[in-house]
Amino acid sequence: MGRWGGEEFLIICPNTAIETLEKVAENLREKIAKHDFSNNIPQLTASFGIAYYKPKQDTLSLVKEADNALYIAKDLGRNRVEQVVSLKKTI
């Protein structure tokens, strides 16, 4: 896990099924939304975009898929987990 831009973080989960990635992201989202960070700030939430590595996929396109999913989550109201399913086959 590490910071990827201003308010974005990248979590890499090697050898993890897509269903497990969805559960991990949803679990983190719920914990953040329920946690009381301080009485001085409004409730914090998190949006997640997830992508699953496909054979021979380059790192840049994988991160781009996750980023696209994140923007969809934000556009749909935030505090959610989204995944962009790529229809493009990799050879």
C-alpha atoms as a PDB file:
ATOM      1  CA  MET A   1       0.000   0.000   0.000  1.00  0.00           C
ATOM      2  CA  GLY A   2       1.237   3.469  -0.758  1.00  0.00           C
ATOM      3  CA  ARG A   3       0.193   6.974  -1.696  1.00  0.00           C
ATOM      4  CA  TRP A   4      -0.547   7.451  -5.379  1.00  0.00           C
ATOM      5  CA  GLY A   5      -1.153  11.149  -5.817  1.00  0.00           C
ATOM      6  CA  GLY A   6      -2.690  13.720  -3.513  1.00  0.00           C
ATOM      7  CA  GLU A   7      -5.608  11.872  -1.916  1.00  0.00           C
ATOM      8  CA  GLU A   8      -5.222   8.542  -3.696  1.00  0.00           C
ATOM      9  CA  PHE A   9      -3.648   5.327  -2.475  1.00  0.00           C
ATOM     10  CA  LEU A  10      -2.693   2.219  -4.388  1.00  0.00           C
ATOM     11  CA  ILE A  11      -3.072  -1.208  -2.784  1.00  0.00           C
ATOM     12  CA  ILE A  12      -1.492  -4.138  -4.601  1.00  0.00           C
ATOM     13  CA  CYS A  13      -2.846  -7.587  -3.730  1.00  0.00           C
ATOM     14  CA  PRO A  14      -0.827 -10.207  -5.631  1.00  0.00           C
ATOM     15  CA  ASN A  15      -2.329 -13.637  -6.271  1.00  0.00           C
ATOM     16  CA  THR A  16      -5.785 -12.472  -5.176  1.00  0.00           C
ATOM     17  CA  ALA A  17      -9.065 -13.386  -6.874  1.00  0.00           C
ATOM     18  CA  ILE A  18     -11.261 -10.513  -8.084  1.00  0.00           C
ATOM     19  CA  GLU A  19     -14.008 -11.530  -5.646  1.00  0.00           C
ATOM     20  CA  THR A  20     -11.535 -11.229  -2.778  1.00  0.00           C
ATOM     21  CA  LEU A  21     -10.388  -7.810  -4.031  1.00  0.00           C
ATOM     22  CA  GLU A  22     -13.988  -6.635  -3.956  1.00  0.00           C
ATOM     23  CA  LYS A  23     -14.394  -7.900  -0.376  1.00  0.00           C
ATOM     24  CA  VAL A  24     -11.141  -6.269   0.767  1.00  0.00           C
ATOM     25  CA  ALA A  25     -12.124  -2.917  -0.752  1.00  0.00           C
ATOM     26  CA  GLU A  26     -15.660  -3.089   0.646  1.00  0.00           C
ATOM     27  CA  ASN A  27     -14.358  -4.002   4.107  1.00  0.00           C
ATOM     28  CA  LEU A  28     -11.957  -1.032   4.106  1.00  0.00           C
ATOM     29  CA  ARG A  29     -14.688   1.292   2.813  1.00  0.00           C
ATOM     30  CA  GLU A  30     -17.054   0.237   5.599  1.00  0.00           C
ATOM     31  CA  LYS A  31     -14.411   0.570   8.329  1.00  0.00           C
ATOM     32  CA  ILE A  32     -13.466   4.063   7.176  1.00  0.00           C
ATOM     33  CA  ALA A  33     -17.119   5.183   6.977  1.00  0.00           C
ATOM     34  CA  LYS A  34     -17.871   3.868  10.492  1.00  0.00           C
ATOM     35  CA  HIS A  35     -14.706   5.107  12.200  1.00  0.00           C
ATOM     36  CA  ASP A  36     -14.875   8.232  14.351  1.00  0.00           C
ATOM     37  CA  PHE A  37     -11.621   9.985  13.441  1.00  0.00           C
ATOM     38  CA  SER A  38     -12.339  13.112  15.474  1.00  0.00           C
ATOM     39  CA  ASN A  39     -15.211  15.190  16.769  1.00  0.00           C
ATOM     40  CA  ASN A  40     -13.753  18.186  14.950  1.00  0.00           C
ATOM     41  CA  ILE A  41     -14.186  16.906  11.392  1.00  0.00           C
ATOM     42  CA  PRO A  42     -17.113  15.551   9.403  1.00  0.00           C
ATOM     43  CA  GLN A  43     -17.456  11.843   8.769  1.00  0.00           C
ATOM     44  CA  LEU A  44     -14.858  10.550   6.327  1.00  0.00           C
ATOM     45  CA  THR A  45     -15.626   8.105   3.552  1.00  0.00           C
ATOM     46  CA  ALA A  46     -13.607   6.426   0.818  1.00  0.00           C
ATOM     47  CA  SER A  47     -14.242   5.424  -2.769  1.00  0.00           C
ATOM     48  CA  PHE A  48     -12.432   2.497  -4.358  1.00  0.00           C
ATOM     49  CA  GLY A  49     -11.698   1.595  -7.946  1.00  0.00           C
ATOM     50  CA  ILE A  50     -10.457  -1.937  -8.442  1.00  0.00           C
ATOM     51  CA  ALA A  51      -8.815  -3.640 -11.384  1.00  0.00           C
ATOM     52  CA  TYR A  52      -7.644  -7.183 -11.910  1.00  0.00           C
ATOM     53  CA  TYR A  53      -4.389  -7.937 -13.725  1.00  0.00           C
ATOM     54  CA  LYS A  54      -4.783  -9.799 -16.995  1.00  0.00           C
ATOM     55  CA  PRO A  55      -1.947 -11.847 -18.525  1.00  0.00           C
ATOM     56  CA  LYS A  56       0.535  -9.691 -20.454  1.00  0.00           C
ATOM     57  CA  GLN A  57      -1.175  -6.492 -19.311  1.00  0.00           C
ATOM     58  CA  ASP A  58       1.188  -3.589 -18.753  1.00  0.00           C
ATOM     59  CA  THR A  59       1.258  -1.801 -15.417  1.00  0.00           C
ATOM     60  CA  LEU A  60       0.112   1.531 -16.845  1.00  0.00           C
ATOM     61  CA  SER A  61      -3.095   0.090 -18.324  1.00  0.00           C
ATOM     62  CA  LEU A  62      -3.836  -1.797 -15.100  1.00  0.00           C
ATOM     63  CA  VAL A  63      -3.520   1.379 -13.021  1.00  0.00           C
ATOM     64  CA  LYS A  64      -5.593   3.265 -15.627  1.00  0.00           C
ATOM     65  CA  GLU A  65      -8.409   0.701 -15.240  1.00  0.00           C
ATOM     66  CA  ALA A  66      -8.373   1.134 -11.465  1.00  0.00           C
ATOM     67  CA  ASP A  67      -8.331   4.923 -11.862  1.00  0.00           C
ATOM     68  CA  ASN A  68     -11.288   4.808 -14.269  1.00  0.00           C
ATOM     69  CA  ALA A  69     -13.214   2.676 -11.788  1.00  0.00           C
ATOM     70  CA  LEU A  70     -12.386   5.159  -9.025  1.00  0.00           C
ATOM     71  CA  TYR A  71     -13.786   8.056 -11.060  1.00  0.00           C
ATOM     72  CA  ILE A  72     -16.956   6.053 -11.720  1.00  0.00           C
ATOM     73  CA  ALA A  73     -17.305   5.490  -7.959  1.00  0.00           C
ATOM     74  CA  LYS A  74     -16.902   9.223  -7.370  1.00  0.00           C
ATOM     75  CA  ASP A  75     -19.381  10.106 -10.137  1.00  0.00           C
ATOM     76  CA  LEU A  76     -21.958   7.704  -8.670  1.00  0.00           C
ATOM     77  CA  GLY A  77     -21.931   9.466  -5.314  1.00  0.00           C
ATOM     78  CA  ARG A  78     -18.723   8.352  -3.582  1.00  0.00           C
ATOM     79  CA  ASN A  79     -18.309   5.991  -0.620  1.00  0.00           C
ATOM     80  CA  ARG A  80     -18.495   2.923  -2.870  1.00  0.00           C
ATOM     81  CA  VAL A  81     -16.455   0.256  -4.639  1.00  0.00           C
ATOM     82  CA  GLU A  82     -16.483   0.057  -8.433  1.00  0.00           C
ATOM     83  CA  GLN A  83     -14.758  -2.063 -11.034  1.00  0.00           C
ATOM     84  CA  VAL A  84     -14.428  -1.412 -14.755  1.00  0.00           C
ATOM     85  CA  VAL A  85     -14.709  -4.646 -16.668  1.00  0.00           C
ATOM     86  CA  SER A  86     -12.434  -4.518 -19.680  1.00  0.00           C
ATOM     87  CA  LEU A  87     -13.861  -6.059 -22.840  1.00  0.00           C
ATOM     88  CA  LYS A  88     -10.485  -5.931 -24.526  1.00  0.00           C
ATOM     89  CA  LYS A  89      -8.767  -9.294 -24.727  1.00  0.00           C
ATOM     90  CA  THR A  90      -5.081  -9.519 -24.029  1.00  0.00           C
ATOM     91  CA  ILE A  91      -3.033 -11.997 -26.020  1.00  0.00           C
END
